[in-house]
């Protein structure tokens, strides 16, 4: 059985990878689906996020990293996925994730959402927290893979030098 784990992954964190590793143990194949459109201002371009995710997930044999545009349910159908993985960290995530799951059911009733909880050490991690840490020059090594920390540090240096 195939599952899809969609998100912006801006950047991918050890929390995302923890969920991905759990999903990979449950399903034959997991597609890590990097979303093009988001309502957020992204730090990294779609291609940069794709490459960061590809490198971060390289150690998991049954994971395939792909990018997508448009509705995630349409992408899931095109990939013949009937299971969508979503991570829950706290009660505050539940209401938002439930509304997404219910909307996806309305759009495509044959796709089920499976909620997964990260290991305790990653419960508080979020990409926005990681971006704030990077802006403030915090140590990122406990939160993201080394290549992601390097990319964030390079991005911060670029911003200090007036680059986008």
N, C-alpha and C. Protein backbone atom coordinates (compact mmCIF):
# COMPACT_ATOMS: atom_id res chain seq x y z
N UNK A 1 0.84 -1.18 0.00
CA UNK A 1 0.00 0.00 0.00
C UNK A 1 0.89 1.25 0.00
N UNK A 2 0.45 2.26 -0.73
CA UNK A 2 1.20 3.49 -0.91
C UNK A 2 0.54 4.62 -0.11
N UNK A 3 1.35 5.49 0.48
CA UNK A 3 0.84 6.64 1.22
C UNK A 3 1.57 7.89 0.76
N UNK A 4 0.94 9.03 1.02
CA UNK A 4 1.54 10.31 0.67
C UNK A 4 1.66 11.14 1.94
N UNK A 5 2.78 11.80 2.10
CA UNK A 5 3.03 12.69 3.24
C UNK A 5 3.30 14.07 2.65
N UNK A 6 2.27 14.92 2.55
CA UNK A 6 2.43 16.22 1.93
C UNK A 6 2.81 17.31 2.94
N UNK A 7 3.45 18.34 2.44
CA UNK A 7 3.77 19.50 3.27
C UNK A 7 4.64 20.47 2.51
N UNK A 8 4.92 21.59 3.17
CA UNK A 8 5.81 22.57 2.55
C UNK A 8 7.27 22.24 2.85
N UNK A 9 7.51 21.68 4.03
CA UNK A 9 8.87 21.27 4.42
C UNK A 9 9.86 22.40 4.20
N UNK A 10 9.57 23.53 4.86
CA UNK A 10 10.35 24.75 4.66
C UNK A 10 10.95 25.25 5.98
N UNK A 11 11.95 24.58 6.50
CA UNK A 11 12.66 23.42 5.97
C UNK A 11 12.15 22.12 6.59
N UNK A 12 12.63 21.01 6.05
CA UNK A 12 12.35 19.70 6.64
C UNK A 12 13.11 19.61 7.96
N UNK A 13 12.46 19.05 8.97
CA UNK A 13 13.05 18.95 10.31
C UNK A 13 13.17 17.48 10.71
N UNK A 14 13.84 17.26 11.84
CA UNK A 14 13.89 15.90 12.38
C UNK A 14 12.49 15.42 12.78
N UNK A 15 11.59 16.31 13.12
CA UNK A 15 10.21 15.92 13.40
C UNK A 15 9.52 15.36 12.17
N UNK A 16 9.69 16.04 11.03
CA UNK A 16 9.14 15.52 9.77
C UNK A 16 9.74 14.15 9.45
N UNK A 17 11.05 14.05 9.62
CA UNK A 17 11.72 12.78 9.31
C UNK A 17 11.26 11.66 10.25
N UNK A 18 10.99 11.98 11.49
CA UNK A 18 10.49 10.99 12.44
C UNK A 18 9.15 10.44 11.98
N UNK A 19 8.25 11.32 11.56
CA UNK A 19 6.95 10.89 11.02
C UNK A 19 7.16 10.07 9.75
N UNK A 20 8.04 10.53 8.88
CA UNK A 20 8.32 9.84 7.62
C UNK A 20 8.86 8.43 7.87
N UNK A 21 9.77 8.30 8.82
CA UNK A 21 10.32 6.98 9.14
C UNK A 21 9.25 6.04 9.69
N UNK A 22 8.37 6.57 10.53
CA UNK A 22 7.26 5.75 11.06
C UNK A 22 6.34 5.31 9.93
N UNK A 23 6.01 6.24 9.05
CA UNK A 23 5.12 5.91 7.92
C UNK A 23 5.77 4.88 7.00
N UNK A 24 7.07 5.00 6.79
CA UNK A 24 7.79 4.07 5.91
C UNK A 24 7.79 2.65 6.46
N UNK A 25 7.69 2.52 7.78
CA UNK A 25 7.59 1.18 8.38
C UNK A 25 6.17 0.60 8.22
N UNK A 26 5.20 1.46 8.01
CA UNK A 26 3.81 1.02 7.92
C UNK A 26 3.34 0.75 6.49
N UNK A 27 3.94 1.44 5.53
CA UNK A 27 3.48 1.38 4.15
C UNK A 27 4.59 0.91 3.23
N UNK A 28 4.20 0.30 2.11
CA UNK A 28 5.16 -0.19 1.14
C UNK A 28 5.97 0.94 0.51
N UNK A 29 5.28 2.04 0.23
CA UNK A 29 5.93 3.21 -0.37
C UNK A 29 5.30 4.45 0.23
N UNK A 30 6.14 5.45 0.51
CA UNK A 30 5.65 6.74 0.99
C UNK A 30 6.20 7.82 0.07
N UNK A 31 5.30 8.63 -0.43
CA UNK A 31 5.71 9.77 -1.25
C UNK A 31 5.77 10.99 -0.35
N UNK A 32 6.95 11.56 -0.23
CA UNK A 32 7.11 12.83 0.48
C UNK A 32 6.82 13.90 -0.56
N UNK A 33 5.65 14.51 -0.44
CA UNK A 33 5.15 15.42 -1.46
C UNK A 33 5.37 16.86 -1.03
N UNK A 34 6.26 17.54 -1.73
CA UNK A 34 6.63 18.91 -1.40
C UNK A 34 5.72 19.85 -2.19
N UNK A 35 4.95 20.65 -1.45
CA UNK A 35 3.93 21.51 -2.06
C UNK A 35 4.54 22.77 -2.67
N UNK A 36 4.08 23.09 -3.88
CA UNK A 36 4.50 24.31 -4.56
C UNK A 36 3.81 25.51 -3.93
N UNK A 37 2.48 25.53 -3.97
CA UNK A 37 1.74 26.67 -3.45
C UNK A 37 1.54 26.52 -1.95
N UNK A 38 1.84 27.59 -1.26
CA UNK A 38 1.51 27.67 0.16
C UNK A 38 1.03 29.09 0.42
N UNK A 39 0.29 29.25 1.47
CA UNK A 39 -0.16 30.59 1.85
C UNK A 39 0.94 31.33 2.61
N UNK A 40 2.04 30.64 2.82
CA UNK A 40 3.14 31.21 3.61
C UNK A 40 4.22 31.77 2.70
N UNK A 41 5.02 32.66 3.26
CA UNK A 41 6.23 33.14 2.59
C UNK A 41 7.30 32.10 2.83
N UNK A 42 7.78 31.45 1.79
CA UNK A 42 8.78 30.40 1.94
C UNK A 42 10.19 30.96 2.01
N UNK A 43 11.02 30.31 2.82
CA UNK A 43 12.44 30.63 2.86
C UNK A 43 13.14 30.06 1.65
N UNK A 44 12.73 28.86 1.28
CA UNK A 44 13.40 28.15 0.19
C UNK A 44 12.44 27.97 -0.98
N UNK A 45 12.99 27.97 -2.18
CA UNK A 45 12.19 27.73 -3.38
C UNK A 45 11.72 26.27 -3.38
N UNK A 46 10.81 25.97 -4.26
CA UNK A 46 10.31 24.60 -4.39
C UNK A 46 11.46 23.64 -4.70
N UNK A 47 12.33 24.01 -5.63
CA UNK A 47 13.44 23.12 -5.99
C UNK A 47 14.43 22.96 -4.84
N UNK A 48 14.67 24.03 -4.10
CA UNK A 48 15.56 23.93 -2.93
C UNK A 48 14.96 23.00 -1.88
N UNK A 49 13.67 23.15 -1.61
CA UNK A 49 13.00 22.29 -0.62
C UNK A 49 13.00 20.84 -1.09
N UNK A 50 12.78 20.63 -2.37
CA UNK A 50 12.83 19.28 -2.94
C UNK A 50 14.20 18.64 -2.68
N UNK A 51 15.26 19.36 -2.99
CA UNK A 51 16.61 18.80 -2.82
C UNK A 51 16.96 18.59 -1.35
N UNK A 52 16.54 19.49 -0.47
CA UNK A 52 16.77 19.30 0.96
C UNK A 52 16.04 18.05 1.46
N UNK A 53 14.81 17.86 1.00
CA UNK A 53 14.03 16.67 1.40
C UNK A 53 14.63 15.40 0.83
N UNK A 54 15.07 15.47 -0.41
CA UNK A 54 15.68 14.31 -1.06
C UNK A 54 16.90 13.83 -0.27
N UNK A 55 17.76 14.76 0.06
CA UNK A 55 18.96 14.42 0.82
C UNK A 55 18.60 13.92 2.23
N UNK A 56 17.66 14.56 2.87
CA UNK A 56 17.29 14.20 4.25
C UNK A 56 16.65 12.81 4.34
N UNK A 57 15.99 12.39 3.28
CA UNK A 57 15.26 11.11 3.32
C UNK A 57 15.99 9.99 2.59
N UNK A 58 17.18 10.26 2.12
CA UNK A 58 17.95 9.30 1.33
C UNK A 58 18.13 7.95 2.05
N UNK A 59 18.16 7.96 3.36
CA UNK A 59 18.40 6.74 4.14
C UNK A 59 17.17 5.83 4.25
N UNK A 60 16.03 6.28 3.75
CA UNK A 60 14.79 5.50 3.84
C UNK A 60 14.47 4.96 2.45
N UNK A 61 14.65 3.66 2.27
CA UNK A 61 14.58 3.05 0.93
C UNK A 61 13.23 3.19 0.24
N UNK A 62 12.15 3.15 0.97
CA UNK A 62 10.84 3.14 0.31
C UNK A 62 10.17 4.52 0.29
N UNK A 63 10.98 5.56 0.33
CA UNK A 63 10.47 6.93 0.23
C UNK A 63 10.85 7.52 -1.11
N UNK A 64 9.88 8.16 -1.73
CA UNK A 64 10.08 8.84 -3.00
C UNK A 64 9.71 10.31 -2.78
N UNK A 65 10.60 11.23 -3.11
CA UNK A 65 10.34 12.65 -2.94
C UNK A 65 9.86 13.22 -4.28
N UNK A 66 8.75 13.93 -4.22
CA UNK A 66 8.17 14.54 -5.42
C UNK A 66 7.66 15.93 -5.07
N UNK A 67 7.54 16.78 -6.07
CA UNK A 67 6.90 18.08 -5.88
C UNK A 67 5.53 18.03 -6.53
N UNK A 68 4.66 18.93 -6.08
CA UNK A 68 3.34 19.00 -6.70
C UNK A 68 2.79 20.41 -6.63
N UNK A 69 1.90 20.71 -7.57
CA UNK A 69 1.16 21.96 -7.60
C UNK A 69 -0.32 21.62 -7.54
N UNK A 70 -1.11 22.53 -7.04
CA UNK A 70 -2.54 22.31 -7.00
C UNK A 70 -2.98 21.57 -5.75
N UNK A 71 -4.14 20.95 -5.85
CA UNK A 71 -4.72 20.26 -4.70
C UNK A 71 -3.98 18.96 -4.40
N UNK A 72 -3.71 18.73 -3.14
CA UNK A 72 -3.01 17.52 -2.74
C UNK A 72 -3.83 16.27 -3.06
N UNK A 73 -5.17 16.36 -2.99
CA UNK A 73 -5.98 15.18 -3.30
C UNK A 73 -5.87 14.81 -4.77
N UNK A 74 -5.74 15.81 -5.64
CA UNK A 74 -5.55 15.52 -7.06
C UNK A 74 -4.19 14.86 -7.30
N UNK A 75 -3.17 15.35 -6.62
CA UNK A 75 -1.84 14.76 -6.74
C UNK A 75 -1.86 13.33 -6.19
N UNK A 76 -2.50 13.13 -5.05
CA UNK A 76 -2.59 11.79 -4.46
C UNK A 76 -3.27 10.82 -5.42
N UNK A 77 -4.37 11.24 -6.02
CA UNK A 77 -5.07 10.39 -7.00
C UNK A 77 -4.16 10.05 -8.18
N UNK A 78 -3.44 11.06 -8.68
CA UNK A 78 -2.55 10.84 -9.82
C UNK A 78 -1.44 9.83 -9.48
N UNK A 79 -1.08 9.76 -8.20
CA UNK A 79 -0.05 8.82 -7.75
C UNK A 79 -0.64 7.51 -7.24
N UNK A 80 -1.95 7.38 -7.36
CA UNK A 80 -2.67 6.19 -6.90
C UNK A 80 -2.49 5.95 -5.40
N UNK A 81 -2.53 7.05 -4.64
CA UNK A 81 -2.43 6.99 -3.17
C UNK A 81 -3.82 7.17 -2.56
N UNK A 82 -4.14 6.31 -1.64
CA UNK A 82 -5.42 6.40 -0.94
C UNK A 82 -5.24 6.77 0.53
N UNK A 83 -3.98 6.91 0.96
CA UNK A 83 -3.67 7.24 2.36
C UNK A 83 -2.83 8.51 2.39
N UNK A 84 -3.27 9.47 3.20
CA UNK A 84 -2.52 10.70 3.40
C UNK A 84 -2.04 10.75 4.84
N UNK A 85 -0.75 10.96 5.03
CA UNK A 85 -0.14 11.04 6.35
C UNK A 85 -0.10 12.50 6.79
N UNK A 86 -0.50 12.75 8.02
CA UNK A 86 -0.38 14.09 8.61
C UNK A 86 0.15 13.94 10.02
N UNK A 87 1.05 14.83 10.41
CA UNK A 87 1.62 14.80 11.74
C UNK A 87 0.85 15.68 12.70
N UNK A 88 0.73 15.23 13.92
CA UNK A 88 0.09 16.01 14.99
C UNK A 88 1.08 16.16 16.12
N UNK A 89 1.36 17.39 16.50
CA UNK A 89 2.28 17.63 17.61
C UNK A 89 1.54 17.95 18.89
N UNK A 90 0.51 18.73 18.79
CA UNK A 90 -0.18 19.21 19.99
C UNK A 90 -1.67 19.30 19.70
N UNK A 91 -2.44 19.51 20.74
CA UNK A 91 -3.88 19.65 20.58
C UNK A 91 -4.20 20.78 19.62
N UNK A 92 -3.40 21.84 19.64
CA UNK A 92 -3.63 22.97 18.75
C UNK A 92 -3.54 22.58 17.28
N UNK A 93 -2.73 21.59 16.95
CA UNK A 93 -2.64 21.10 15.57
C UNK A 93 -3.91 20.36 15.15
N UNK A 94 -4.56 19.72 16.10
CA UNK A 94 -5.66 18.83 15.77
C UNK A 94 -6.79 19.54 15.03
N UNK A 95 -7.22 20.69 15.52
CA UNK A 95 -8.35 21.38 14.89
C UNK A 95 -8.03 21.74 13.43
N UNK A 96 -6.84 22.26 13.19
CA UNK A 96 -6.43 22.62 11.83
C UNK A 96 -6.34 21.37 10.95
N UNK A 97 -5.68 20.33 11.46
CA UNK A 97 -5.51 19.11 10.68
C UNK A 97 -6.84 18.41 10.42
N UNK A 98 -7.74 18.44 11.40
CA UNK A 98 -9.07 17.86 11.21
C UNK A 98 -9.83 18.60 10.12
N UNK A 99 -9.73 19.93 10.11
CA UNK A 99 -10.44 20.70 9.06
C UNK A 99 -9.86 20.38 7.68
N UNK A 100 -8.54 20.19 7.59
CA UNK A 100 -7.94 19.78 6.31
C UNK A 100 -8.43 18.40 5.89
N UNK A 101 -8.44 17.47 6.84
CA UNK A 101 -8.86 16.10 6.54
C UNK A 101 -10.31 16.07 6.08
N UNK A 102 -11.17 16.83 6.74
CA UNK A 102 -12.58 16.86 6.36
C UNK A 102 -12.78 17.50 4.99
N UNK A 103 -12.01 18.54 4.71
CA UNK A 103 -12.08 19.16 3.38
C UNK A 103 -11.61 18.18 2.31
N UNK A 104 -10.53 17.47 2.60
CA UNK A 104 -10.02 16.48 1.63
C UNK A 104 -11.03 15.36 1.40
N UNK A 105 -11.75 14.94 2.45
CA UNK A 105 -12.80 13.92 2.29
C UNK A 105 -13.89 14.45 1.38
N UNK A 106 -14.26 15.71 1.56
CA UNK A 106 -15.29 16.33 0.71
C UNK A 106 -14.82 16.38 -0.75
N UNK A 107 -13.54 16.68 -0.95
CA UNK A 107 -12.99 16.78 -2.31
C UNK A 107 -12.77 15.42 -2.94
N UNK A 108 -12.39 14.44 -2.12
CA UNK A 108 -12.11 13.10 -2.62
C UNK A 108 -12.34 12.09 -1.50
N UNK A 109 -13.52 11.52 -1.48
CA UNK A 109 -13.92 10.63 -0.41
C UNK A 109 -13.15 9.33 -0.31
N UNK A 110 -12.35 9.01 -1.32
CA UNK A 110 -11.62 7.74 -1.26
C UNK A 110 -10.21 7.87 -0.70
N UNK A 111 -9.84 9.06 -0.23
CA UNK A 111 -8.52 9.25 0.39
C UNK A 111 -8.72 9.42 1.90
N UNK A 112 -8.06 8.56 2.66
CA UNK A 112 -8.15 8.59 4.12
C UNK A 112 -6.93 9.29 4.69
N UNK A 113 -7.14 10.05 5.75
CA UNK A 113 -6.03 10.70 6.44
C UNK A 113 -5.66 9.88 7.66
N UNK A 114 -4.36 9.63 7.81
CA UNK A 114 -3.83 8.93 8.98
C UNK A 114 -2.99 9.95 9.75
N UNK A 115 -3.39 10.19 11.00
CA UNK A 115 -2.65 11.12 11.85
C UNK A 115 -1.57 10.35 12.60
N UNK A 116 -0.37 10.91 12.61
CA UNK A 116 0.74 10.29 13.31
C UNK A 116 1.36 11.30 14.26
N UNK A 117 1.80 10.81 15.40
CA UNK A 117 2.41 11.65 16.42
C UNK A 117 3.92 11.39 16.43
N UNK A 118 4.71 12.45 16.40
CA UNK A 118 6.17 12.25 16.44
C UNK A 118 6.61 11.77 17.82
N UNK A 119 7.82 11.28 17.88
CA UNK A 119 8.40 10.92 19.17
C UNK A 119 8.45 12.15 20.06
N UNK A 120 8.43 11.92 21.35
CA UNK A 120 8.35 12.99 22.33
C UNK A 120 9.40 14.08 22.11
N UNK A 121 10.60 13.68 21.73
CA UNK A 121 11.67 14.67 21.58
C UNK A 121 11.43 15.64 20.42
N UNK A 122 10.48 15.33 19.55
CA UNK A 122 10.19 16.20 18.40
C UNK A 122 8.82 16.88 18.48
N UNK A 123 8.13 16.70 19.59
CA UNK A 123 6.76 17.21 19.71
C UNK A 123 6.64 18.73 19.52
N UNK A 124 7.66 19.45 19.88
CA UNK A 124 7.61 20.91 19.84
C UNK A 124 8.18 21.50 18.56
N UNK A 125 8.78 20.68 17.73
CA UNK A 125 9.47 21.18 16.53
C UNK A 125 8.50 21.67 15.47
N UNK A 126 8.80 22.80 14.90
CA UNK A 126 8.06 23.28 13.73
C UNK A 126 9.05 24.00 12.82
N UNK A 127 8.73 24.03 11.55
CA UNK A 127 9.60 24.72 10.59
C UNK A 127 9.69 26.20 10.91
N UNK A 128 8.59 26.80 11.36
CA UNK A 128 8.63 28.24 11.67
C UNK A 128 9.55 28.51 12.86
N UNK A 129 9.56 27.61 13.86
CA UNK A 129 10.48 27.77 14.98
C UNK A 129 11.93 27.67 14.49
N UNK A 130 12.18 26.73 13.59
CA UNK A 130 13.53 26.54 13.06
C UNK A 130 13.98 27.80 12.30
N UNK A 131 13.08 28.36 11.51
CA UNK A 131 13.42 29.58 10.77
C UNK A 131 13.75 30.73 11.74
N UNK A 132 12.98 30.86 12.81
CA UNK A 132 13.25 31.90 13.81
C UNK A 132 14.61 31.68 14.47
N UNK A 133 14.90 30.43 14.81
CA UNK A 133 16.21 30.11 15.39
C UNK A 133 17.34 30.50 14.44
N UNK A 134 17.14 30.19 13.17
CA UNK A 134 18.16 30.51 12.16
C UNK A 134 18.37 32.02 12.07
N UNK A 135 17.29 32.78 12.06
CA UNK A 135 17.38 34.24 11.98
C UNK A 135 18.16 34.79 13.17
N UNK A 136 17.94 34.19 14.33
CA UNK A 136 18.58 34.67 15.56
C UNK A 136 19.95 34.05 15.81
N UNK A 137 20.42 33.22 14.86
CA UNK A 137 21.75 32.63 14.97
C UNK A 137 21.85 31.47 15.94
N UNK A 138 20.73 30.82 16.22
CA UNK A 138 20.72 29.69 17.15
C UNK A 138 21.34 28.44 16.57
N UNK A 139 21.74 27.54 17.45
CA UNK A 139 22.32 26.25 17.06
C UNK A 139 21.20 25.35 16.56
N UNK A 140 21.31 24.86 15.35
CA UNK A 140 20.24 24.09 14.71
C UNK A 140 20.48 22.58 14.72
N UNK A 141 21.62 22.12 15.21
CA UNK A 141 22.00 20.72 15.01
C UNK A 141 21.06 19.70 15.64
N UNK A 142 20.33 20.05 16.68
CA UNK A 142 19.38 19.11 17.30
C UNK A 142 18.03 19.08 16.57
N UNK A 143 17.82 19.96 15.62
CA UNK A 143 16.51 20.15 15.04
C UNK A 143 16.38 19.75 13.57
N UNK A 144 17.47 19.88 12.83
CA UNK A 144 17.45 19.60 11.39
C UNK A 144 18.73 18.86 11.00
N UNK A 145 18.69 18.10 9.90
CA UNK A 145 19.91 17.46 9.42
C UNK A 145 20.99 18.50 9.09
N UNK A 146 22.26 18.09 9.15
CA UNK A 146 23.36 19.04 8.92
C UNK A 146 23.25 19.83 7.61
N UNK A 147 22.86 19.16 6.51
CA UNK A 147 22.79 19.88 5.23
C UNK A 147 21.69 20.95 5.25
N UNK A 148 20.63 20.73 6.03
CA UNK A 148 19.55 21.72 6.16
C UNK A 148 20.05 22.90 7.00
N UNK A 149 20.76 22.60 8.08
CA UNK A 149 21.34 23.67 8.90
C UNK A 149 22.28 24.53 8.07
N UNK A 150 23.10 23.88 7.25
CA UNK A 150 24.03 24.61 6.38
C UNK A 150 23.27 25.51 5.40
N UNK A 151 22.21 24.98 4.81
CA UNK A 151 21.41 25.76 3.85
C UNK A 151 20.76 26.96 4.54
N UNK A 152 20.27 26.75 5.76
CA UNK A 152 19.66 27.86 6.51
C UNK A 152 20.71 28.92 6.85
N UNK A 153 21.88 28.48 7.26
CA UNK A 153 22.94 29.44 7.59
C UNK A 153 23.37 30.22 6.35
N UNK A 154 23.46 29.56 5.22
CA UNK A 154 23.80 30.25 3.97
C UNK A 154 22.71 31.26 3.60
N UNK A 155 21.47 30.86 3.79
CA UNK A 155 20.35 31.77 3.48
C UNK A 155 20.41 33.00 4.39
N UNK A 156 20.73 32.81 5.65
CA UNK A 156 20.83 33.94 6.59
C UNK A 156 21.99 34.86 6.20
N UNK A 157 23.10 34.28 5.79
CA UNK A 157 24.24 35.10 5.35
C UNK A 157 23.85 35.92 4.12
N UNK A 158 23.10 35.28 3.22
CA UNK A 158 22.64 35.99 2.01
C UNK A 158 21.73 37.15 2.36
N UNK A 159 20.88 36.96 3.35
CA UNK A 159 19.98 38.04 3.76
C UNK A 159 20.76 39.18 4.42
N UNK A 160 21.79 38.82 5.18
CA UNK A 160 22.63 39.85 5.82
C UNK A 160 23.34 40.68 4.76
N UNK A 161 23.64 40.03 3.62
CA UNK A 161 24.34 40.74 2.53
C UNK A 161 23.38 41.36 1.54
N UNK A 162 22.10 41.41 1.88
CA UNK A 162 21.11 42.07 1.03
C UNK A 162 20.54 41.21 -0.07
N UNK A 163 20.86 39.94 -0.08
CA UNK A 163 20.29 39.05 -1.11
C UNK A 163 18.98 38.50 -0.62
N UNK A 164 18.16 38.02 -1.55
CA UNK A 164 16.87 37.43 -1.18
C UNK A 164 17.02 36.01 -0.74
